[in-house]
Amino acid sequence: MVIGSSSSSSSSSSRSSGISSSSSSSSSSSSSSSSSSSSSSSSSRSSSSSSSSSSSSSSSSSSSSSSSSSSSSSSSRSRCSSSSSSSSIVVVVVVVVVVVVVVVVVVVVVVLEVVVVVVVVVVVVVVVVVVVVVVVVVVVVVVVVVVVVVVVVVVVVVVVVVVVVVVVVVVVVVVVVVVVVVVVVVVVVVVVVVVVVVVVVVVVVVVVVVVVVVVVVVVVVVVVVVVVVVVVVVVVVVVVVVE
């Protein structure tokens, strides 16, 4: 039963069959000879290693079969070492390719992250600059509008004050002129009236005086004439009477 198991492992090419043949060969001397034959017909790394272990663990009665199995295992070991070196090269190449791909992917990801960060920073800077420029322009426009409004209000107030002052001065001057004219007219009228009254009074007085004087003179003349006439008459009468 053990011999059948070792021959089935010699026709197989897997690593597990080689391990089972090596474990069976370490049990007895007859199984070591069967494992030597299986190792000579096998071409895998596991069968060669099992045959070498069986040849090293065999007894002294099977030394000839051990030596033959060791010679056959040396040839299979060289083939296994060459296949192992090629497998190692393939593994190294695959590892290098994987490492290069990983490095390239990492570099691309880092570059993309840097580009995204730079783009975000540039966009943020542009937005901040635009916002600052807009705020500055709005502030300048508001300041200019406020200054213009203040200047216009001041000019309007000054113009209104000047117009009001001019109107007040003109009204005062007109009132003063009117008052002066009225006063002058009143004074002139009063003077004229006074003069007229005085003249009238003087004329009346003069006329009265003249009339009185004339009347007095007339009366005196009449009296004198009457007296003279009377005297003359008396004288005449006396003379007449005396004669």
Protein backbone atom coordinates (compact mmCIF):
# COMPACT_ATOMS: atom_id res chain seq x y z
CA MET A 1 0.00 0.00 0.00
CA VAL A 2 2.87 2.31 0.70
CA ILE A 3 4.59 1.31 -2.57
CA GLY A 4 1.48 2.14 -4.59
CA SER A 5 1.34 5.54 -3.03
CA SER A 6 4.95 6.29 -3.92
CA SER A 7 4.50 5.24 -7.55
CA SER A 8 1.42 7.42 -7.95
CA SER A 9 3.38 10.32 -6.61
CA SER A 10 6.18 9.66 -9.12
CA SER A 11 3.77 9.94 -12.07
CA SER A 12 2.38 13.23 -10.70
CA SER A 13 4.04 16.66 -11.16
CA SER A 14 2.72 18.43 -8.09
CA ARG A 15 4.63 19.50 -4.97
CA SER A 16 2.28 17.71 -2.60
CA SER A 17 2.90 14.28 -4.16
CA GLY A 18 6.63 14.73 -3.73
CA ILE A 19 6.18 15.55 -0.06
CA SER A 20 4.07 12.44 0.44
CA SER A 21 6.68 10.23 -1.25
CA SER A 22 9.39 11.64 0.97
CA SER A 23 7.36 10.93 4.07
CA SER A 24 6.71 7.37 2.94
CA SER A 25 10.33 6.76 2.07
CA SER A 26 11.48 7.62 5.54
CA SER A 27 9.45 4.76 7.02
CA SER A 28 11.30 1.62 5.69
CA SER A 29 14.06 0.39 3.37
CA SER A 30 11.73 -1.12 0.78
CA SER A 31 9.82 2.07 0.41
CA SER A 32 13.05 3.95 -0.09
CA SER A 33 13.83 1.96 -3.20
CA SER A 34 10.39 2.64 -4.63
CA SER A 35 10.77 6.31 -3.89
CA SER A 36 14.11 6.29 -5.67
CA SER A 37 12.47 4.96 -8.79
CA SER A 38 9.73 7.54 -8.57
CA SER A 39 12.28 10.29 -8.23
CA SER A 40 14.14 9.13 -11.32
CA SER A 41 10.97 9.22 -13.44
CA SER A 42 9.73 12.56 -12.07
CA SER A 43 10.71 16.05 -13.33
CA SER A 44 9.43 18.33 -10.59
CA ARG A 45 11.20 20.11 -7.73
CA SER A 46 9.24 18.26 -5.07
CA SER A 47 10.05 14.79 -6.36
CA SER A 48 13.75 15.57 -6.61
CA SER A 49 13.86 16.91 -3.11
CA SER A 50 11.96 13.86 -1.83
CA SER A 51 14.35 11.49 -3.57
CA SER A 52 17.34 13.25 -2.12
CA SER A 53 15.83 13.08 1.34
CA SER A 54 15.02 9.40 0.87
CA SER A 55 18.56 8.65 -0.23
CA SER A 56 19.94 10.43 2.78
CA SER A 57 17.58 8.66 5.19
CA SER A 58 17.87 5.11 3.74
CA SER A 59 19.57 2.21 5.51
CA SER A 60 22.85 0.50 4.62
CA SER A 61 21.17 -2.38 2.85
CA SER A 62 19.86 -0.13 0.07
CA SER A 63 23.00 1.95 -0.54
CA SER A 64 23.32 1.03 -4.21
CA SER A 65 19.78 2.07 -4.98
CA SER A 66 20.41 5.26 -3.01
CA SER A 67 23.44 6.16 -5.05
CA SER A 68 21.57 5.62 -8.26
CA SER A 69 18.72 7.77 -7.02
CA SER A 70 21.15 10.47 -5.95
CA SER A 71 22.70 10.60 -9.40
CA SER A 72 19.29 10.88 -10.98
CA SER A 73 18.25 13.50 -8.45
CA SER A 74 21.31 15.63 -9.21
CA SER A 75 20.27 15.91 -12.84
CA SER A 76 16.72 16.80 -11.86
CA ARG A 77 18.05 19.35 -9.32
CA SER A 78 19.90 21.23 -12.04
CA ARG A 79 16.71 21.36 -14.10
CA CYS A 80 14.75 22.56 -11.09
CA SER A 81 17.31 25.21 -10.24
CA SER A 82 17.16 26.58 -13.78
CA SER A 83 13.35 26.67 -13.70
CA SER A 84 13.54 28.24 -10.24
CA SER A 85 15.90 30.98 -11.47
CA SER A 86 13.61 31.74 -14.42
CA SER A 87 10.63 31.83 -12.08
CA SER A 88 12.55 34.16 -9.78
CA ILE A 89 13.37 36.46 -12.72
CA VAL A 90 9.70 36.50 -13.76
CA VAL A 91 8.65 37.25 -10.18
CA VAL A 92 11.26 40.02 -9.92
CA VAL A 93 10.12 41.49 -13.25
CA VAL A 94 6.49 41.31 -12.17
CA VAL A 95 7.35 42.91 -8.82
CA VAL A 96 9.37 45.65 -10.56
CA VAL A 97 6.52 46.28 -13.02
CA VAL A 98 4.01 46.40 -10.18
CA VAL A 99 6.25 48.75 -8.19
CA VAL A 100 6.76 50.98 -11.25
CA VAL A 101 3.01 51.01 -11.94
CA VAL A 102 2.29 51.81 -8.29
CA VAL A 103 4.94 54.56 -8.29
CA VAL A 104 3.56 55.99 -11.55
CA VAL A 105 0.01 55.86 -10.18
CA VAL A 106 1.15 57.51 -6.92
CA VAL A 107 3.07 60.18 -8.85
CA VAL A 108 0.09 60.80 -11.14
CA VAL A 109 -2.24 61.02 -8.13
CA VAL A 110 0.15 63.39 -6.33
CA VAL A 111 0.55 65.51 -9.47
CA LEU A 112 -3.21 65.58 -9.95
CA GLU A 113 -3.70 66.55 -6.30
CA VAL A 114 -1.07 69.29 -6.66
CA VAL A 115 -2.72 70.51 -9.88
CA VAL A 116 -6.14 70.48 -8.22
CA VAL A 117 -4.77 72.35 -5.19
CA VAL A 118 -3.03 74.88 -7.45
CA VAL A 119 -6.20 75.34 -9.52
CA VAL A 120 -8.29 75.76 -6.36
CA VAL A 121 -5.76 78.25 -4.93
CA VAL A 122 -5.69 80.18 -8.22
CA VAL A 123 -9.49 80.22 -8.38
CA VAL A 124 -9.72 81.35 -4.75
CA VAL A 125 -7.09 84.05 -5.36
CA VAL A 126 -8.89 85.22 -8.51
CA VAL A 127 -12.24 85.27 -6.69
CA VAL A 128 -10.70 87.17 -3.76
CA VAL A 129 -9.05 89.66 -6.13
CA VAL A 130 -12.31 90.13 -8.05
CA VAL A 131 -14.26 90.59 -4.81
CA VAL A 132 -11.67 93.08 -3.51
CA VAL A 133 -11.71 95.00 -6.81
CA VAL A 134 -15.52 95.06 -6.84
CA VAL A 135 -15.62 96.21 -3.21
CA VAL A 136 -13.02 98.92 -3.91
CA VAL A 137 -14.92 100.08 -7.00
CA VAL A 138 -18.21 100.13 -5.09
CA VAL A 139 -16.61 102.05 -2.21
CA VAL A 140 -15.02 104.54 -4.62
CA VAL A 141 -18.32 105.00 -6.47
CA VAL A 142 -20.21 105.46 -3.20
CA VAL A 143 -17.62 107.96 -1.95
CA VAL A 144 -17.73 109.88 -5.24
CA VAL A 145 -21.54 109.91 -5.21
CA VAL A 146 -21.59 111.07 -1.59
CA VAL A 147 -19.04 113.80 -2.33
CA VAL A 148 -20.98 114.93 -5.40
CA VAL A 149 -24.24 114.96 -3.44
CA VAL A 150 -22.63 116.90 -0.59
CA VAL A 151 -21.11 119.41 -3.03
CA VAL A 152 -24.43 119.82 -4.84
CA VAL A 153 -26.28 120.27 -1.55
CA VAL A 154 -23.72 122.81 -0.34
CA VAL A 155 -23.89 124.71 -3.63
CA VAL A 156 -27.69 124.70 -3.57
CA VAL A 157 -27.72 125.87 0.05
CA VAL A 158 -25.21 128.61 -0.71
CA VAL A 159 -27.17 129.72 -3.76
CA VAL A 160 -30.42 129.71 -1.80
CA VAL A 161 -28.82 131.67 1.04
CA VAL A 162 -27.33 134.18 -1.40
CA VAL A 163 -30.65 134.56 -3.21
CA VAL A 164 -32.50 135.00 0.07
CA VAL A 165 -29.96 137.55 1.28
CA VAL A 166 -30.13 139.43 -2.01
CA VAL A 167 -33.92 139.39 -1.96
CA VAL A 168 -33.98 140.57 1.65
CA VAL A 169 -31.48 143.32 0.88
CA VAL A 170 -33.44 144.39 -2.18
CA VAL A 171 -36.67 144.37 -0.23
CA VAL A 172 -35.08 146.35 2.58
CA VAL A 173 -33.60 148.82 0.13
CA VAL A 174 -36.90 149.14 -1.67
CA VAL A 175 -38.72 149.60 1.61
CA VAL A 176 -36.16 152.13 2.75
CA VAL A 177 -36.38 153.95 -0.55
CA VAL A 178 -40.15 153.90 -0.44
CA VAL A 179 -40.10 155.11 3.14
CA VAL A 180 -37.62 157.81 2.27
CA VAL A 181 -39.65 158.83 -0.73
CA VAL A 182 -42.81 158.85 1.32
CA VAL A 183 -41.10 160.83 4.04
CA VAL A 184 -39.71 163.25 1.50
CA VAL A 185 -43.06 163.57 -0.16
CA VAL A 186 -44.73 164.09 3.17
CA VAL A 187 -42.14 166.62 4.18
CA VAL A 188 -42.46 168.41 0.87
CA VAL A 189 -46.20 168.36 1.13
CA VAL A 190 -46.06 169.63 4.67
CA VAL A 191 -43.59 172.30 3.72
CA VAL A 192 -45.67 173.30 0.76
CA VAL A 193 -48.78 173.38 2.87
CA VAL A 194 -47.05 175.37 5.55
CA VAL A 195 -45.67 177.77 3.00
CA VAL A 196 -49.02 178.11 1.36
CA VAL A 197 -50.69 178.66 4.69
CA VAL A 198 -48.08 181.17 5.71
CA VAL A 199 -48.37 182.94 2.41
CA VAL A 200 -52.10 182.93 2.65
CA VAL A 201 -51.96 184.19 6.18
CA VAL A 202 -49.47 186.86 5.25
CA VAL A 203 -51.53 187.87 2.28
CA VAL A 204 -54.63 187.93 4.38
CA VAL A 205 -52.90 189.91 7.07
CA VAL A 206 -51.46 192.28 4.53
CA VAL A 207 -54.81 192.67 2.87
CA VAL A 208 -56.49 193.21 6.18
CA VAL A 209 -53.85 195.70 7.21
CA VAL A 210 -54.11 197.46 3.91
CA VAL A 211 -57.85 197.49 4.13
CA VAL A 212 -57.72 198.73 7.67
CA VAL A 213 -55.19 201.37 6.75
CA VAL A 214 -57.24 202.39 3.76
CA VAL A 215 -60.35 202.48 5.84
CA VAL A 216 -58.61 204.46 8.53
CA VAL A 217 -57.14 206.82 5.99
CA VAL A 218 -60.48 207.19 4.32
CA VAL A 219 -62.14 207.76 7.63
CA VAL A 220 -59.49 210.24 8.65
CA VAL A 221 -59.72 211.98 5.32
CA VAL A 222 -63.46 212.02 5.55
CA VAL A 223 -63.30 213.29 9.09
CA VAL A 224 -60.75 215.87 8.14
CA VAL A 225 -62.78 216.89 5.17
CA VAL A 226 -65.87 217.03 7.27
CA VAL A 227 -64.07 218.99 9.92
CA VAL A 228 -62.60 221.27 7.36
CA VAL A 229 -65.93 221.67 5.72
CA VAL A 230 -67.53 222.30 9.06
CA VAL A 231 -64.84 224.73 10.02
CA VAL A 232 -65.11 226.44 6.72
CA VAL A 233 -68.83 226.55 7.02
CA VAL A 234 -68.57 227.83 10.53
CA VAL A 235 -66.04 230.37 9.50
CA VAL A 236 -68.12 231.37 6.63
CA VAL A 237 -71.15 231.56 8.79
CA VAL A 238 -69.30 233.50 11.38
CA VAL A 239 -67.92 235.76 8.82
CA VAL A 240 -71.24 236.18 7.31
CA VAL A 241 -72.78 236.77 10.62
CA VAL A 242 -70.12 239.15 11.67
CA GLU A 243 -70.39 241.21 8.58
